[in-house]
């Protein structure tokens, strides 16, 4: 399998990446109450430095952006220092790592914000679902519709997070505009019923993302910046009838920025809103001239096909990499995969189910030792 497209090198932002496999950003909840990246998080990323590119887990740009228990942040000096220790170790291991900038918006709860309701485009709650808060599992709440001042402040938060990510030693940043989080909430006409310059037309609904991009591009060269989109997804109550118009326009606008890549959740593993045909990587290839990363439920064979067909340049893998820290080696040589169907240790906790999975070589050595004894 060594001649597979997945194992060809590729140029990105002045770096030669060793393969086309991307470690997807996985929210694992290991930062603790301090939300500071720590040693076991460093261990986890070093184990997976064999990726062509690591996209570190979604990381809150501000205290207001939090909405996940024990997820990391990038808005204090201590958080910058914590992440710096991680990036230094990844670089020493030969890896490249970028940070995903995150604001959860209405996919949060007042328990995260001293009783203050979370923000969104409009006062529309996530329907028929619950959230894990610091005080237990609770129904989602009706969020506060952001004022113009709130939007301006949050654009500033994206800019400061970009500054902090550079200080923390990351190789780039990814703006999270997918999966029903804040920027996606503005893009989606089901969650955005605003009557001002940030609602109504797709041009207006894109405005917040556009301003956030302008802010981070003041700090980072465009080639070191990516954006994540989820045109087909239902996660966090997304999916509008005009999704084709919305994401076609959004991709074209982002293309004008000459970004390093577009990260598209084109797979349907997290559900499909079924409001038409799913948008594919091939669709985005006609809209975006830079590197395209596919994601969501990819198998090795499908990933190789997408790259061989020219629809995508790299493919992100998530769940298989949880239990297989040496996933590129296993794919390359056809080694069997460790099971990854036990979700009880996916979110929160310590090393168990996080950094204690064996590589194929470790398993083989143990088997040999067992036979010898």
Protein backbone atom coordinates (compact mmCIF):
# COMPACT_ATOMS: atom_id res chain seq x y z
CA UNK A 1 0.00 0.00 0.00
CA UNK A 2 3.05 2.28 0.04
CA UNK A 3 2.12 3.63 -3.43
CA UNK A 4 -1.30 4.72 -2.18
CA UNK A 5 -2.17 8.40 -2.69
CA UNK A 6 -2.61 8.65 1.10
CA UNK A 7 1.14 8.24 1.58
CA UNK A 8 2.33 10.75 -0.96
CA UNK A 9 3.85 13.94 0.40
CA UNK A 10 2.15 17.28 -0.19
CA UNK A 11 3.17 20.92 0.09
CA UNK A 12 1.31 23.12 2.54
CA UNK A 13 2.26 26.62 3.74
CA UNK A 14 5.93 26.12 2.94
CA UNK A 15 6.10 22.70 4.56
CA UNK A 16 6.38 19.29 2.94
CA UNK A 17 3.85 17.12 4.75
CA UNK A 18 4.85 13.46 4.90
CA UNK A 19 1.46 12.00 4.00
CA UNK A 20 -2.12 13.02 3.14
CA UNK A 21 -3.63 11.84 6.44
CA UNK A 22 -4.94 14.53 8.79
CA UNK A 23 -5.65 13.92 12.47
CA UNK A 24 -9.15 15.34 12.81
CA UNK A 25 -9.84 17.73 15.69
CA UNK A 26 -11.39 15.53 18.38
CA UNK A 27 -12.88 17.08 21.50
CA UNK A 28 -11.64 14.71 24.21
CA UNK A 29 -12.16 16.82 27.37
CA UNK A 30 -8.77 16.21 28.98
CA UNK A 31 -7.82 19.81 29.83
CA UNK A 32 -9.56 19.76 33.22
CA UNK A 33 -11.37 22.63 34.90
CA UNK A 34 -8.45 24.99 34.20
CA UNK A 35 -8.89 24.44 30.43
CA UNK A 36 -5.08 24.51 30.13
CA UNK A 37 -3.44 22.01 27.77
CA UNK A 38 -1.42 19.53 29.85
CA UNK A 39 1.12 16.72 29.68
CA UNK A 40 -1.24 13.91 28.73
CA UNK A 41 -2.58 16.05 25.90
CA UNK A 42 1.00 16.47 24.75
CA UNK A 43 1.51 12.71 24.99
CA UNK A 44 -1.59 12.16 22.86
CA UNK A 45 -0.49 14.48 20.07
CA UNK A 46 3.12 13.24 20.09
CA UNK A 47 1.83 9.68 19.67
CA UNK A 48 0.00 10.88 16.55
CA UNK A 49 2.75 13.09 15.12
CA UNK A 50 2.94 10.56 12.28
CA UNK A 51 0.01 12.44 10.69
CA UNK A 52 0.73 14.60 7.69
CA UNK A 53 -1.05 17.34 9.62
CA UNK A 54 -2.58 17.47 13.10
CA UNK A 55 -5.60 19.69 13.65
CA UNK A 56 -5.70 20.08 17.41
CA UNK A 57 -9.03 19.84 19.17
CA UNK A 58 -11.54 22.70 19.11
CA UNK A 59 -10.25 25.37 21.49
CA UNK A 60 -12.34 28.21 22.89
CA UNK A 61 -11.39 31.72 21.83
CA UNK A 62 -12.89 33.24 24.99
CA UNK A 63 -14.67 32.33 28.19
CA UNK A 64 -17.92 33.19 26.41
CA UNK A 65 -17.03 30.61 23.76
CA UNK A 66 -16.95 27.67 26.16
CA UNK A 67 -19.61 25.00 25.92
CA UNK A 68 -17.90 21.69 26.57
CA UNK A 69 -16.76 20.30 29.91
CA UNK A 70 -12.95 20.30 30.35
CA UNK A 71 -12.16 21.40 26.81
CA UNK A 72 -9.14 23.70 26.33
CA UNK A 73 -8.97 27.43 25.75
CA UNK A 74 -6.51 29.87 24.19
CA UNK A 75 -7.51 33.14 25.92
CA UNK A 76 -5.07 33.42 28.85
CA UNK A 77 -1.29 33.49 29.16
CA UNK A 78 -1.43 30.20 31.09
CA UNK A 79 -3.36 28.58 28.24
CA UNK A 80 -0.80 29.82 25.75
CA UNK A 81 2.01 28.34 27.84
CA UNK A 82 0.19 25.02 28.14
CA UNK A 83 -0.27 24.75 24.40
CA UNK A 84 3.32 25.88 23.79
CA UNK A 85 4.57 22.85 25.71
CA UNK A 86 2.45 20.65 23.44
CA UNK A 87 3.51 22.21 20.14
CA UNK A 88 7.19 22.09 21.10
CA UNK A 89 6.93 18.36 21.74
CA UNK A 90 5.03 17.72 18.49
CA UNK A 91 7.65 19.62 16.51
CA UNK A 92 10.44 17.67 18.20
CA UNK A 93 8.63 14.50 17.09
CA UNK A 94 8.58 15.74 13.49
CA UNK A 95 4.92 16.69 13.36
CA UNK A 96 2.95 19.73 12.17
CA UNK A 97 0.06 20.99 14.27
CA UNK A 98 -2.54 23.72 13.86
CA UNK A 99 -5.19 24.98 16.27
CA UNK A 100 -8.93 25.03 15.64
CA UNK A 101 -10.50 28.26 16.94
CA UNK A 102 -13.94 27.66 18.46
CA UNK A 103 -16.93 29.52 19.82
CA UNK A 104 -19.83 27.22 20.69
CA UNK A 105 -22.57 29.86 20.58
CA UNK A 106 -25.97 28.42 21.48
CA UNK A 107 -24.42 24.95 21.79
CA UNK A 108 -23.59 25.95 25.35
CA UNK A 109 -25.49 26.60 28.58
CA UNK A 110 -25.73 29.18 31.33
CA UNK A 111 -23.97 26.72 33.67
CA UNK A 112 -20.77 27.52 31.75
CA UNK A 113 -21.27 31.29 32.10
CA UNK A 114 -22.18 32.09 35.72
CA UNK A 115 -25.87 31.98 34.90
CA UNK A 116 -25.70 34.14 31.76
CA UNK A 117 -27.36 32.66 28.69
CA UNK A 118 -25.11 31.73 25.76
CA UNK A 119 -25.07 33.77 22.55
CA UNK A 120 -26.28 32.97 19.06
CA UNK A 121 -27.44 34.66 15.87
CA UNK A 122 -31.06 34.58 17.05
CA UNK A 123 -32.98 33.56 20.16
CA UNK A 124 -33.65 30.04 18.84
CA UNK A 125 -32.60 27.05 20.93
CA UNK A 126 -31.28 23.71 19.80
CA UNK A 127 -34.37 21.51 19.61
CA UNK A 128 -34.93 18.12 21.21
CA UNK A 129 -31.49 17.65 22.70
CA UNK A 130 -29.52 18.03 25.92
CA UNK A 131 -26.03 19.19 26.85
CA UNK A 132 -23.49 18.00 29.41
CA UNK A 133 -22.79 20.97 31.69
CA UNK A 134 -20.53 21.34 34.76
CA UNK A 135 -23.69 20.67 36.79
CA UNK A 136 -24.94 17.67 34.86
CA UNK A 137 -26.94 16.97 31.73
CA UNK A 138 -29.61 19.58 30.98
CA UNK A 139 -31.85 20.72 28.12
CA UNK A 140 -30.51 23.40 25.82
CA UNK A 141 -31.68 26.94 26.54
CA UNK A 142 -32.99 29.76 24.37
CA UNK A 143 -29.82 31.79 23.70
CA UNK A 144 -29.33 35.54 23.64
CA UNK A 145 -29.38 37.06 20.16
CA UNK A 146 -26.05 38.81 19.77
CA UNK A 147 -26.02 42.58 19.61
CA UNK A 148 -23.77 44.41 17.18
CA UNK A 149 -21.47 45.06 20.12
CA UNK A 150 -21.39 41.35 20.95
CA UNK A 151 -20.44 40.53 17.37
CA UNK A 152 -17.69 43.15 17.30
CA UNK A 153 -16.29 41.90 20.61
CA UNK A 154 -16.27 38.31 19.37
CA UNK A 155 -14.48 39.25 16.16
CA UNK A 156 -11.86 40.77 18.46
CA UNK A 157 -11.76 37.51 20.41
CA UNK A 158 -10.98 35.61 17.20
CA UNK A 159 -8.15 38.03 16.51
CA UNK A 160 -6.69 37.66 20.01
CA UNK A 161 -6.99 33.89 19.78
CA UNK A 162 -5.05 34.02 16.51
CA UNK A 163 -2.34 36.06 18.23
CA UNK A 164 -2.23 33.58 21.11
CA UNK A 165 -2.10 30.58 18.77
CA UNK A 166 0.97 32.08 17.10
CA UNK A 167 2.57 32.69 20.51
CA UNK A 168 1.81 29.06 21.41
CA UNK A 169 3.89 27.83 18.48
CA UNK A 170 1.21 26.41 16.21
CA UNK A 171 1.94 26.02 12.51
CA UNK A 172 -1.40 27.55 11.58
CA UNK A 173 -5.02 27.96 12.62
CA UNK A 174 -8.40 26.67 11.52
CA UNK A 175 -11.54 28.77 11.98
CA UNK A 176 -14.40 26.49 13.08
CA UNK A 177 -17.47 27.45 11.05
CA UNK A 178 -19.06 23.98 11.11
CA UNK A 179 -21.03 21.51 13.22
CA UNK A 180 -23.63 23.97 14.47
CA UNK A 181 -21.29 26.21 16.44
CA UNK A 182 -21.46 30.00 16.48
CA UNK A 183 -20.27 30.92 12.99
CA UNK A 184 -22.36 28.09 11.51
CA UNK A 185 -25.35 29.41 13.47
CA UNK A 186 -25.02 32.69 11.57
CA UNK A 187 -24.62 30.94 8.20
CA UNK A 188 -27.66 28.67 8.62
CA UNK A 189 -30.99 30.30 7.83
CA UNK A 190 -32.80 28.04 10.33
CA UNK A 191 -30.82 29.40 13.27
CA UNK A 192 -30.42 32.93 11.91
CA UNK A 193 -33.62 34.99 11.69
CA UNK A 194 -31.95 38.36 12.13
CA UNK A 195 -33.31 41.44 10.35
CA UNK A 196 -30.07 43.44 10.39
CA UNK A 197 -26.87 43.30 8.33
CA UNK A 198 -26.03 39.88 9.78
CA UNK A 199 -29.24 38.12 8.72
CA UNK A 200 -31.61 37.51 5.84
CA UNK A 201 -29.55 37.24 2.66
CA UNK A 202 -26.64 34.83 2.40
CA UNK A 203 -24.37 37.84 1.95
CA UNK A 204 -25.49 39.09 5.36
CA UNK A 205 -25.38 35.68 7.02
CA UNK A 206 -21.79 35.24 5.80
CA UNK A 207 -20.76 38.65 7.15
CA UNK A 208 -19.74 37.47 10.65
CA UNK A 209 -17.51 34.71 9.25
CA UNK A 210 -16.04 37.18 6.78
CA UNK A 211 -15.19 39.64 9.55
CA UNK A 212 -13.66 36.88 11.69
CA UNK A 213 -11.53 35.83 8.72
CA UNK A 214 -10.36 39.40 8.11
CA UNK A 215 -9.39 39.60 11.79
CA UNK A 216 -7.29 36.42 11.88
CA UNK A 217 -5.70 37.22 8.52
CA UNK A 218 -4.26 40.34 10.09
CA UNK A 219 -2.19 37.96 12.23
CA UNK A 220 -1.52 34.91 10.06
CA UNK A 221 -0.52 34.54 6.39
CA UNK A 222 -3.48 33.20 4.43
CA UNK A 223 -1.62 29.99 3.54
CA UNK A 224 -1.45 29.07 7.23
CA UNK A 225 -5.20 29.50 7.77
CA UNK A 226 -8.00 27.04 7.07
CA UNK A 227 -11.77 26.97 7.59
CA UNK A 228 -14.03 24.07 8.46
CA UNK A 229 -17.53 23.79 6.94
CA UNK A 230 -20.27 21.16 7.32
CA UNK A 231 -22.73 21.61 4.43
CA UNK A 232 -24.56 18.32 4.95
CA UNK A 233 -24.66 18.03 8.72
CA UNK A 234 -27.46 18.01 11.27
CA UNK A 235 -25.27 18.18 14.38
CA UNK A 236 -26.48 20.85 16.82
CA UNK A 237 -29.76 21.18 14.89
CA UNK A 238 -28.34 22.44 11.60
CA UNK A 239 -29.63 22.06 8.06
CA UNK A 240 -31.64 24.59 6.02
CA UNK A 241 -33.39 24.31 2.67
CA UNK A 242 -31.01 26.83 1.10
CA UNK A 243 -27.83 24.94 2.11
CA UNK A 244 -26.61 24.65 -1.48
CA UNK A 245 -26.83 28.41 -2.01
CA UNK A 246 -25.32 29.08 1.42
CA UNK A 247 -22.26 26.87 1.12
CA UNK A 248 -21.65 27.60 -2.55
CA UNK A 249 -21.48 31.31 -1.75
CA UNK A 250 -19.41 30.71 1.39
CA UNK A 251 -16.83 28.58 -0.43
CA UNK A 252 -16.52 31.15 -3.21
CA UNK A 253 -15.98 33.96 -0.72
CA UNK A 254 -13.37 31.95 1.17
CA UNK A 255 -11.64 31.14 -2.10
CA UNK A 256 -11.01 34.85 -2.64
CA UNK A 257 -8.90 34.86 0.53
CA UNK A 258 -6.32 32.41 -0.91
CA UNK A 259 -6.47 30.26 2.23
CA UNK A 260 -4.23 27.31 2.96
CA UNK A 261 -7.11 24.86 2.87
CA UNK A 262 -10.83 24.24 3.16
CA UNK A 263 -11.84 21.47 5.58
CA UNK A 264 -15.19 20.02 4.43
CA UNK A 265 -17.31 17.67 6.51
CA UNK A 266 -18.67 16.01 3.38
CA UNK A 267 -19.26 12.56 4.88
CA UNK A 268 -22.63 11.65 6.33
CA UNK A 269 -21.48 9.70 9.41
CA UNK A 270 -22.95 12.34 11.76
CA UNK A 271 -26.29 12.46 9.95
CA UNK A 272 -27.64 14.19 6.83
CA UNK A 273 -30.37 16.81 6.79
CA UNK A 274 -31.81 15.30 3.57
CA UNK A 275 -32.87 18.64 2.12
CA UNK A 276 -31.49 17.69 -1.27
CA UNK A 277 -28.41 15.88 -2.55
CA UNK A 278 -25.35 15.99 -0.28
CA UNK A 279 -22.57 18.36 -1.30
CA UNK A 280 -19.43 16.45 -2.20
CA UNK A 281 -15.72 17.19 -2.34
CA UNK A 282 -16.08 17.29 -6.13
CA UNK A 283 -18.61 20.10 -5.74
CA UNK A 284 -16.20 22.10 -3.59
CA UNK A 285 -13.34 21.45 -6.04
CA UNK A 286 -15.18 23.66 -8.53
CA UNK A 287 -15.57 26.42 -5.92
CA UNK A 288 -12.22 26.45 -4.08
CA UNK A 289 -8.78 26.53 -5.67
CA UNK A 290 -6.65 25.62 -2.62
CA UNK A 291 -6.14 22.37 -0.74
CA UNK A 292 -9.31 20.53 0.23
CA UNK A 293 -9.53 18.21 3.23
CA UNK A 294 -12.41 15.72 3.38
CA UNK A 295 -13.78 14.38 6.66
CA UNK A 296 -16.48 12.38 8.43
CA UNK A 297 -16.64 8.60 8.31
CA UNK A 298 -13.92 7.94 5.75
CA UNK A 299 -12.48 4.47 5.29
CA UNK A 300 -8.99 3.98 3.93
CA UNK A 301 -10.31 2.85 0.55
CA UNK A 302 -12.70 5.78 0.19
CA UNK A 303 -10.01 8.24 1.23
CA UNK A 304 -7.64 6.85 -1.39
CA UNK A 305 -10.34 7.09 -4.04
CA UNK A 306 -11.15 10.72 -3.26
CA UNK A 307 -7.48 11.69 -3.54
CA UNK A 308 -6.85 9.55 -6.64
CA UNK A 309 -9.90 11.08 -8.35
CA UNK A 310 -8.61 14.56 -7.58
CA UNK A 311 -11.62 15.56 -5.49
CA UNK A 312 -9.63 16.06 -2.27
CA UNK A 313 -5.99 16.61 -1.38
CA UNK A 314 -5.97 15.24 2.17
CA UNK A 315 -8.42 13.25 4.29
CA UNK A 316 -9.04 13.63 8.02
CA UNK A 317 -9.59 10.61 10.25
CA UNK A 318 -11.02 10.80 13.75
CA UNK A 319 -12.39 7.77 15.56
CA UNK A 320 -9.96 5.21 14.09
CA UNK A 321 -7.07 7.35 15.33
CA UNK A 322 -8.41 7.33 18.89
CA UNK A 323 -7.43 3.71 19.46
CA UNK A 324 -4.69 3.44 16.82
CA UNK A 325 -1.97 6.00 17.53
CA UNK A 326 0.03 4.52 14.63
CA UNK A 327 -2.87 4.67 12.16
CA UNK A 328 -0.76 5.66 9.11
CA UNK A 329 1.55 2.68 9.70
CA UNK A 330 -1.40 0.31 10.04
CA UNK A 331 -2.99 1.64 6.86
CA UNK A 332 0.27 1.54 4.93
CA UNK A 333 1.08 -2.07 5.80
CA UNK A 334 -2.43 -3.47 6.08
CA UNK A 335 -2.12 -4.19 9.80
CA UNK A 336 -5.38 -4.82 11.71
CA UNK A 337 -6.85 -1.96 13.71
CA UNK A 338 -7.49 -1.87 17.41
CA UNK A 339 -11.19 -1.65 18.22
CA UNK A 340 -12.57 1.87 18.65
CA UNK A 341 -16.19 1.06 19.45
CA UNK A 342 -16.08 1.80 23.21
CA UNK A 343 -17.18 5.42 23.72
CA UNK A 344 -17.04 5.39 27.51
CA UNK A 345 -13.53 6.89 27.59
CA UNK A 346 -13.86 9.19 24.58
CA UNK A 347 -14.78 12.30 26.55
CA UNK A 348 -13.05 13.29 29.78
CA UNK A 349 -10.95 11.35 32.23
CA UNK A 350 -7.22 10.66 32.18
CA UNK A 351 -4.89 8.39 30.26
CA UNK A 352 -7.33 5.47 29.99
CA UNK A 353 -8.79 5.37 26.51
CA UNK A 354 -6.64 8.35 25.55
CA UNK A 355 -2.91 7.62 25.57
CA UNK A 356 -2.82 3.96 26.64
CA UNK A 357 -3.51 2.31 23.27
CA UNK A 358 -0.68 0.14 21.94
CA UNK A 359 0.91 0.49 18.53
CA UNK A 360 1.00 -2.55 16.28
CA UNK A 361 4.70 -2.99 17.05
CA UNK A 362 4.04 -2.96 20.79
CA UNK A 363 1.33 -5.59 20.38
CA UNK A 364 3.66 -7.75 18.25
CA UNK A 365 6.47 -7.43 20.80
CA UNK A 366 4.08 -8.49 23.57
CA UNK A 367 2.95 -11.50 21.55
CA UNK A 368 6.55 -12.53 20.90
CA UNK A 369 7.38 -12.11 24.58
CA UNK A 370 4.38 -14.25 25.49
CA UNK A 371 5.50 -17.04 23.19
CA UNK A 372 9.08 -16.85 24.49
CA UNK A 373 7.96 -17.11 28.10
